[in-house]
């Protein structure tokens, strides 16, 4: 699967305002995640991706922790269902393969499990609450290039 939306790896320092704006809109305003839970020490040490629409407007972001965990996947509401999430996930999986990682983990919101399953992720364990939202751990074992 290849997705044509532009997705770039960016640094937290260079794009902090844009990354924070998207995550604030999706997680804090829309999903009511407490702001104190959204921001943590991992942003500065993570690899971030930024998806843009055809006009160059930022519409989505996600982060990749140094240990191979994917998280904070967010696409602005009006741009969902248009392939931006898939393009971001594809970019992060590519990055992990380039780093020779063999296992990818994430905590998926229960409503997003089917999305991740399309990429080969498998549910691992029971559902749990995180920031008041039902989640489940998912794992993907990567094949080398």
Protein backbone atom coordinates (compact mmCIF):
# COMPACT_ATOMS: atom_id res chain seq x y z
CA UNK A 1 0.00 0.00 0.00
CA UNK A 2 1.30 3.42 -0.96
CA UNK A 3 -0.36 6.70 -0.11
CA UNK A 4 0.36 9.85 -2.07
CA UNK A 5 -0.27 12.51 0.57
CA UNK A 6 2.85 14.45 1.51
CA UNK A 7 4.17 13.29 4.89
CA UNK A 8 7.47 14.55 6.24
CA UNK A 9 9.59 13.66 9.23
CA UNK A 10 10.00 16.83 11.28
CA UNK A 11 11.66 17.77 14.54
CA UNK A 12 9.70 18.86 17.59
CA UNK A 13 11.85 22.00 17.88
CA UNK A 14 11.19 23.11 14.28
CA UNK A 15 7.45 22.36 14.16
CA UNK A 16 6.34 22.55 17.79
CA UNK A 17 3.58 25.12 17.17
CA UNK A 18 2.07 23.17 14.27
CA UNK A 19 2.28 19.79 16.01
CA UNK A 20 0.79 21.20 19.20
CA UNK A 21 -2.03 22.93 17.27
CA UNK A 22 -3.15 19.69 15.60
CA UNK A 23 -2.94 17.61 18.77
CA UNK A 24 -4.69 20.32 20.82
CA UNK A 25 -7.59 20.38 18.36
CA UNK A 26 -7.95 16.58 18.12
CA UNK A 27 -7.10 15.34 21.59
CA UNK A 28 -7.77 18.23 24.00
CA UNK A 29 -10.74 19.95 22.33
CA UNK A 30 -12.43 17.13 20.43
CA UNK A 31 -11.66 14.09 22.62
CA UNK A 32 -11.47 15.96 25.95
CA UNK A 33 -8.06 14.56 26.91
CA UNK A 34 -6.77 16.60 29.87
CA UNK A 35 -3.98 18.90 28.74
CA UNK A 36 -1.77 17.62 31.56
CA UNK A 37 -1.88 14.13 29.97
CA UNK A 38 -1.25 15.27 26.39
CA UNK A 39 2.17 16.88 26.78
CA UNK A 40 5.09 14.89 28.14
CA UNK A 41 8.86 14.59 28.11
CA UNK A 42 8.75 12.20 25.14
CA UNK A 43 7.85 14.85 22.54
CA UNK A 44 11.36 16.30 22.56
CA UNK A 45 13.04 12.90 22.01
CA UNK A 46 10.55 11.44 19.52
CA UNK A 47 10.51 11.47 15.73
CA UNK A 48 7.42 13.30 14.47
CA UNK A 49 5.61 13.10 11.15
CA UNK A 50 3.53 15.89 9.67
CA UNK A 51 0.97 15.35 6.89
CA UNK A 52 -0.13 18.21 4.64
CA UNK A 53 -2.95 18.62 2.16
CA UNK A 54 -2.41 19.64 -1.48
CA UNK A 55 -2.31 23.31 -0.45
CA UNK A 56 0.49 22.60 2.03
CA UNK A 57 -1.81 23.07 5.04
CA UNK A 58 -0.86 20.76 7.96
CA UNK A 59 -3.67 18.27 8.64
CA UNK A 60 -2.15 15.43 10.68
CA UNK A 61 0.67 14.34 12.93
CA UNK A 62 1.97 11.35 14.85
CA UNK A 63 5.08 10.52 16.83
CA UNK A 64 7.49 7.65 17.01
CA UNK A 65 9.19 7.02 20.34
CA UNK A 66 12.83 5.87 20.34
CA UNK A 67 11.75 2.36 21.45
CA UNK A 68 9.49 1.85 18.43
CA UNK A 69 6.14 2.86 19.95
CA UNK A 70 3.84 4.83 17.65
CA UNK A 71 1.56 7.33 19.33
CA UNK A 72 -0.31 10.62 19.27
CA UNK A 73 -1.72 9.86 15.81
CA UNK A 74 -4.05 12.75 15.00
CA UNK A 75 -5.79 13.95 11.83
CA UNK A 76 -7.97 17.06 11.88
CA UNK A 77 -11.66 16.07 11.70
CA UNK A 78 -12.39 17.51 8.24
CA UNK A 79 -9.47 15.57 6.71
CA UNK A 80 -10.23 12.12 8.18
CA UNK A 81 -11.06 9.26 5.86
CA UNK A 82 -8.94 10.72 3.07
CA UNK A 83 -5.79 8.63 3.54
CA UNK A 84 -3.72 10.99 5.70
CA UNK A 85 -3.59 8.61 8.66
CA UNK A 86 -2.55 5.77 6.36
CA UNK A 87 0.15 7.91 4.76
CA UNK A 88 1.54 8.87 8.18
CA UNK A 89 1.53 5.28 9.41
CA UNK A 90 3.23 4.14 6.19
CA UNK A 91 5.96 6.78 6.70
CA UNK A 92 6.58 5.69 10.29
CA UNK A 93 6.74 2.00 9.36
CA UNK A 94 9.23 2.88 6.62
CA UNK A 95 11.32 4.79 9.18
CA UNK A 96 11.24 1.83 11.58
CA UNK A 97 12.35 -0.57 8.83
CA UNK A 98 15.22 1.81 8.01
CA UNK A 99 16.21 1.63 11.70
CA UNK A 100 16.06 -2.19 11.47
CA UNK A 101 13.37 -2.40 14.15
CA UNK A 102 11.58 -5.73 14.17
CA UNK A 103 8.61 -4.89 16.39
CA UNK A 104 6.24 -1.91 16.47
CA UNK A 105 3.84 -1.25 19.32
CA UNK A 106 1.02 1.19 19.87
CA UNK A 107 -1.98 1.80 22.09
CA UNK A 108 -4.90 2.13 19.70
CA UNK A 109 -8.17 3.75 20.59
CA UNK A 110 -10.74 0.95 20.39
CA UNK A 111 -12.49 2.78 17.54
CA UNK A 112 -9.27 2.68 15.46
CA UNK A 113 -8.42 -1.05 15.79
CA UNK A 114 -9.71 -1.92 12.29
CA UNK A 115 -7.55 0.86 10.78
CA UNK A 116 -4.37 -0.60 12.30
CA UNK A 117 -5.37 -4.17 11.44
CA UNK A 118 -5.27 -3.18 7.74
CA UNK A 119 -1.52 -2.69 8.20
CA UNK A 120 -1.03 -6.05 9.92
CA UNK A 121 -1.19 -4.93 13.56
CA UNK A 122 -2.61 -7.52 15.96
CA UNK A 123 -4.42 -6.86 19.24
CA UNK A 124 -2.37 -7.92 22.26
CA UNK A 125 -4.17 -8.09 25.59
CA UNK A 126 -7.32 -6.64 27.09
CA UNK A 127 -8.90 -3.25 26.57
CA UNK A 128 -7.97 -0.52 29.05
CA UNK A 129 -8.80 3.10 29.76
CA UNK A 130 -6.25 5.78 28.92
CA UNK A 131 -7.22 9.45 29.36
CA UNK A 132 -10.81 8.24 29.74
CA UNK A 133 -10.81 6.57 26.29
CA UNK A 134 -10.96 2.81 25.67
CA UNK A 135 -7.65 1.56 24.18
CA UNK A 136 -6.00 -1.75 23.31
CA UNK A 137 -2.32 -2.64 22.83
CA UNK A 138 -1.39 -3.63 19.28
CA UNK A 139 1.81 -5.13 17.88
CA UNK A 140 3.25 -5.51 14.40
CA UNK A 141 6.30 -7.61 13.56
CA UNK A 142 8.19 -6.03 10.68
CA UNK A 143 9.86 -7.89 7.85
CA UNK A 144 13.17 -6.44 6.69
CA UNK A 145 13.41 -4.62 3.37
